[in-house]
Amino acid sequence: MTHALGCRSFWLWGLAGALLTLSLLGAASIGIFVLPFALLALWLAARTRRVWPEALGGLAGIAGVCLFIAWIQRGGGSLDSISWLVAGAVLGVLGIGGYALATRRLSPPI
């Protein structure tokens, strides 16, 4: 699998993770409208030739939603922005760092 194809699959999983997270967090408002797009992205991501380690992109997508919520709440909203920031940072490092480590181990030596 080429690097570009692996990255595309990774970010497709990221999109699926972000949309699923958004549909769950906004279930009472916009979540029901986002859910069909989330399921479509999940279906497209699952159709890739290799699921592991590209599925770690789902963590990066969830991290993106957490960081977006932290950014929205930075001015002192009803939610604590620090907890969303920490969750987004941890999930982002796990998703992107885990993918980088996994692809390094899976790639043949030059």
C-alpha atoms as a PDB file:
ATOM      1  CA  MET A   1       0.000   0.000   0.000  1.00  0.00           C
ATOM      2  CA  THR A   2       1.417   3.363  -0.963  1.00  0.00           C
ATOM      3  CA  HIS A   3       1.872   6.169   1.508  1.00  0.00           C
ATOM      4  CA  ALA A   4      -0.711   8.404  -0.178  1.00  0.00           C
ATOM      5  CA  LEU A   5      -3.336   5.658  -0.173  1.00  0.00           C
ATOM      6  CA  GLY A   6      -2.630   4.878   3.485  1.00  0.00           C
ATOM      7  CA  CYS A   7      -2.936   8.543   4.456  1.00  0.00           C
ATOM      8  CA  ARG A   8      -6.169   8.873   2.514  1.00  0.00           C
ATOM      9  CA  SER A   9      -7.601   5.855   4.324  1.00  0.00           C
ATOM     10  CA  PHE A  10      -6.386   7.223   7.665  1.00  0.00           C
ATOM     11  CA  TRP A  11      -8.130  10.568   7.138  1.00  0.00           C
ATOM     12  CA  LEU A  12     -11.272   8.856   5.839  1.00  0.00           C
ATOM     13  CA  TRP A  13     -11.397   6.960   9.135  1.00  0.00           C
ATOM     14  CA  GLY A  14     -10.799  10.316  10.831  1.00  0.00           C
ATOM     15  CA  LEU A  15     -13.776  11.819   9.048  1.00  0.00           C
ATOM     16  CA  ALA A  16     -15.925   8.848  10.045  1.00  0.00           C
ATOM     17  CA  GLY A  17     -14.814   9.151  13.682  1.00  0.00           C
ATOM     18  CA  ALA A  18     -15.478  12.878  13.742  1.00  0.00           C
ATOM     19  CA  LEU A  19     -18.931  12.556  12.198  1.00  0.00           C
ATOM     20  CA  LEU A  20     -19.915   9.710  14.511  1.00  0.00           C
ATOM     21  CA  THR A  21     -18.742  11.684  17.534  1.00  0.00           C
ATOM     22  CA  LEU A  22     -20.603  14.763  16.366  1.00  0.00           C
ATOM     23  CA  SER A  23     -23.781  12.760  15.810  1.00  0.00           C
ATOM     24  CA  LEU A  24     -23.554  11.254  19.301  1.00  0.00           C
ATOM     25  CA  LEU A  25     -22.764  14.524  21.054  1.00  0.00           C
ATOM     26  CA  GLY A  26     -25.463  16.376  19.181  1.00  0.00           C
ATOM     27  CA  ALA A  27     -28.055  13.592  19.329  1.00  0.00           C
ATOM     28  CA  ALA A  28     -30.718  15.911  20.712  1.00  0.00           C
ATOM     29  CA  SER A  29     -30.215  18.541  18.018  1.00  0.00           C
ATOM     30  CA  ILE A  30     -28.265  17.995  14.777  1.00  0.00           C
ATOM     31  CA  GLY A  31     -27.000  14.495  15.481  1.00  0.00           C
ATOM     32  CA  ILE A  32     -29.841  12.755  13.701  1.00  0.00           C
ATOM     33  CA  PHE A  33     -29.051  14.721  10.534  1.00  0.00           C
ATOM     34  CA  VAL A  34     -25.307  14.008  10.741  1.00  0.00           C
ATOM     35  CA  LEU A  35     -25.741  10.268  11.395  1.00  0.00           C
ATOM     36  CA  PRO A  36     -26.419   9.227   7.749  1.00  0.00           C
ATOM     37  CA  PHE A  37     -23.235  10.983   6.628  1.00  0.00           C
ATOM     38  CA  ALA A  38     -21.321   9.367   9.498  1.00  0.00           C
ATOM     39  CA  LEU A  39     -22.559   5.916   8.516  1.00  0.00           C
ATOM     40  CA  LEU A  40     -21.663   6.560   4.869  1.00  0.00           C
ATOM     41  CA  ALA A  41     -18.138   7.652   5.824  1.00  0.00           C
ATOM     42  CA  LEU A  42     -17.786   4.618   8.084  1.00  0.00           C
ATOM     43  CA  TRP A  43     -18.925   2.309   5.295  1.00  0.00           C
ATOM     44  CA  LEU A  44     -16.465   3.890   2.831  1.00  0.00           C
ATOM     45  CA  ALA A  45     -13.628   3.666   5.331  1.00  0.00           C
ATOM     46  CA  ALA A  46     -14.363   0.021   6.102  1.00  0.00           C
ATOM     47  CA  ARG A  47     -14.193  -0.839   2.397  1.00  0.00           C
ATOM     48  CA  THR A  48     -10.476  -0.045   2.233  1.00  0.00           C
ATOM     49  CA  ARG A  49      -8.098  -2.901   1.587  1.00  0.00           C
ATOM     50  CA  ARG A  50      -6.367  -2.678   4.937  1.00  0.00           C
ATOM     51  CA  VAL A  51      -8.160  -1.583   8.084  1.00  0.00           C
ATOM     52  CA  TRP A  52      -5.273  -1.675  10.541  1.00  0.00           C
ATOM     53  CA  PRO A  53      -3.545   0.767  11.279  1.00  0.00           C
ATOM     54  CA  GLU A  54      -5.596   3.242   9.246  1.00  0.00           C
ATOM     55  CA  ALA A  55      -8.536   2.821  11.665  1.00  0.00           C
ATOM     56  CA  LEU A  56      -6.490   4.816  14.178  1.00  0.00           C
ATOM     57  CA  GLY A  57      -7.663   7.799  12.151  1.00  0.00           C
ATOM     58  CA  GLY A  58     -10.951   7.436  14.018  1.00  0.00           C
ATOM     59  CA  LEU A  59      -9.137   8.570  17.155  1.00  0.00           C
ATOM     60  CA  ALA A  60      -7.786  11.574  15.285  1.00  0.00           C
ATOM     61  CA  GLY A  61     -11.316  12.446  14.168  1.00  0.00           C
ATOM     62  CA  ILE A  62     -12.646  12.220  17.709  1.00  0.00           C
ATOM     63  CA  ALA A  63      -9.702  14.375  18.815  1.00  0.00           C
ATOM     64  CA  GLY A  64     -10.653  16.992  16.238  1.00  0.00           C
ATOM     65  CA  VAL A  65     -14.173  17.237  17.638  1.00  0.00           C
ATOM     66  CA  CYS A  66     -12.839  17.490  21.207  1.00  0.00           C
ATOM     67  CA  LEU A  67     -10.407  20.244  20.218  1.00  0.00           C
ATOM     68  CA  PHE A  68     -13.171  22.109  18.382  1.00  0.00           C
ATOM     69  CA  ILE A  69     -15.385  21.992  21.482  1.00  0.00           C
ATOM     70  CA  ALA A  70     -12.452  23.207  23.596  1.00  0.00           C
ATOM     71  CA  TRP A  71     -11.941  26.095  21.181  1.00  0.00           C
ATOM     72  CA  ILE A  72     -15.630  27.039  21.291  1.00  0.00           C
ATOM     73  CA  GLN A  73     -15.643  26.923  25.110  1.00  0.00           C
ATOM     74  CA  ARG A  74     -12.414  28.899  25.577  1.00  0.00           C
ATOM     75  CA  GLY A  75     -14.288  32.052  26.583  1.00  0.00           C
ATOM     76  CA  GLY A  76     -15.909  30.524  29.649  1.00  0.00           C
ATOM     77  CA  GLY A  77     -18.955  28.669  28.411  1.00  0.00           C
ATOM     78  CA  SER A  78     -20.955  26.104  30.310  1.00  0.00           C
ATOM     79  CA  LEU A  79     -18.429  23.319  29.619  1.00  0.00           C
ATOM     80  CA  ASP A  80     -14.886  23.141  30.944  1.00  0.00           C
ATOM     81  CA  SER A  81     -12.581  23.761  27.978  1.00  0.00           C
ATOM     82  CA  ILE A  82      -9.487  22.308  29.673  1.00  0.00           C
ATOM     83  CA  SER A  83     -10.954  18.808  29.936  1.00  0.00           C
ATOM     84  CA  TRP A  84     -11.940  18.881  26.250  1.00  0.00           C
ATOM     85  CA  LEU A  85      -8.474  20.180  25.361  1.00  0.00           C
ATOM     86  CA  VAL A  86      -6.729  17.413  27.298  1.00  0.00           C
ATOM     87  CA  ALA A  87      -9.003  14.740  25.824  1.00  0.00           C
ATOM     88  CA  GLY A  88      -8.408  16.053  22.307  1.00  0.00           C
ATOM     89  CA  ALA A  89      -4.658  16.229  22.775  1.00  0.00           C
ATOM     90  CA  VAL A  90      -4.416  12.700  24.201  1.00  0.00           C
ATOM     91  CA  LEU A  91      -6.628  11.191  21.508  1.00  0.00           C
ATOM     92  CA  GLY A  92      -4.773  13.088  18.789  1.00  0.00           C
ATOM     93  CA  VAL A  93      -1.384  11.873  19.980  1.00  0.00           C
ATOM     94  CA  LEU A  94      -2.677   8.311  20.286  1.00  0.00           C
ATOM     95  CA  GLY A  95      -4.261   8.353  16.832  1.00  0.00           C
ATOM     96  CA  ILE A  96      -1.587  10.122  14.804  1.00  0.00           C
ATOM     97  CA  GLY A  97       1.374   8.832  16.817  1.00  0.00           C
ATOM     98  CA  GLY A  98       0.029   5.297  16.837  1.00  0.00           C
ATOM     99  CA  TYR A  99      -0.465   5.394  13.081  1.00  0.00           C
ATOM    100  CA  ALA A 100       3.052   6.716  12.546  1.00  0.00           C
ATOM    101  CA  LEU A 101       4.541   3.974  14.724  1.00  0.00           C
ATOM    102  CA  ALA A 102       2.426   1.237  13.187  1.00  0.00           C
ATOM    103  CA  THR A 103       3.229   2.190   9.608  1.00  0.00           C
ATOM    104  CA  ARG A 104       6.904   2.417  10.465  1.00  0.00           C
ATOM    105  CA  ARG A 105       6.815  -1.145  11.798  1.00  0.00           C
ATOM    106  CA  LEU A 106       4.749  -2.463   8.879  1.00  0.00           C
ATOM    107  CA  SER A 107       6.806  -0.900   6.095  1.00  0.00           C
ATOM    108  CA  PRO A 108       9.630  -3.017   4.660  1.00  0.00           C
ATOM    109  CA  PRO A 109      13.197  -1.825   5.251  1.00  0.00           C
ATOM    110  CA  ILE A 110      14.805   0.125   2.424  1.00  0.00           C
END
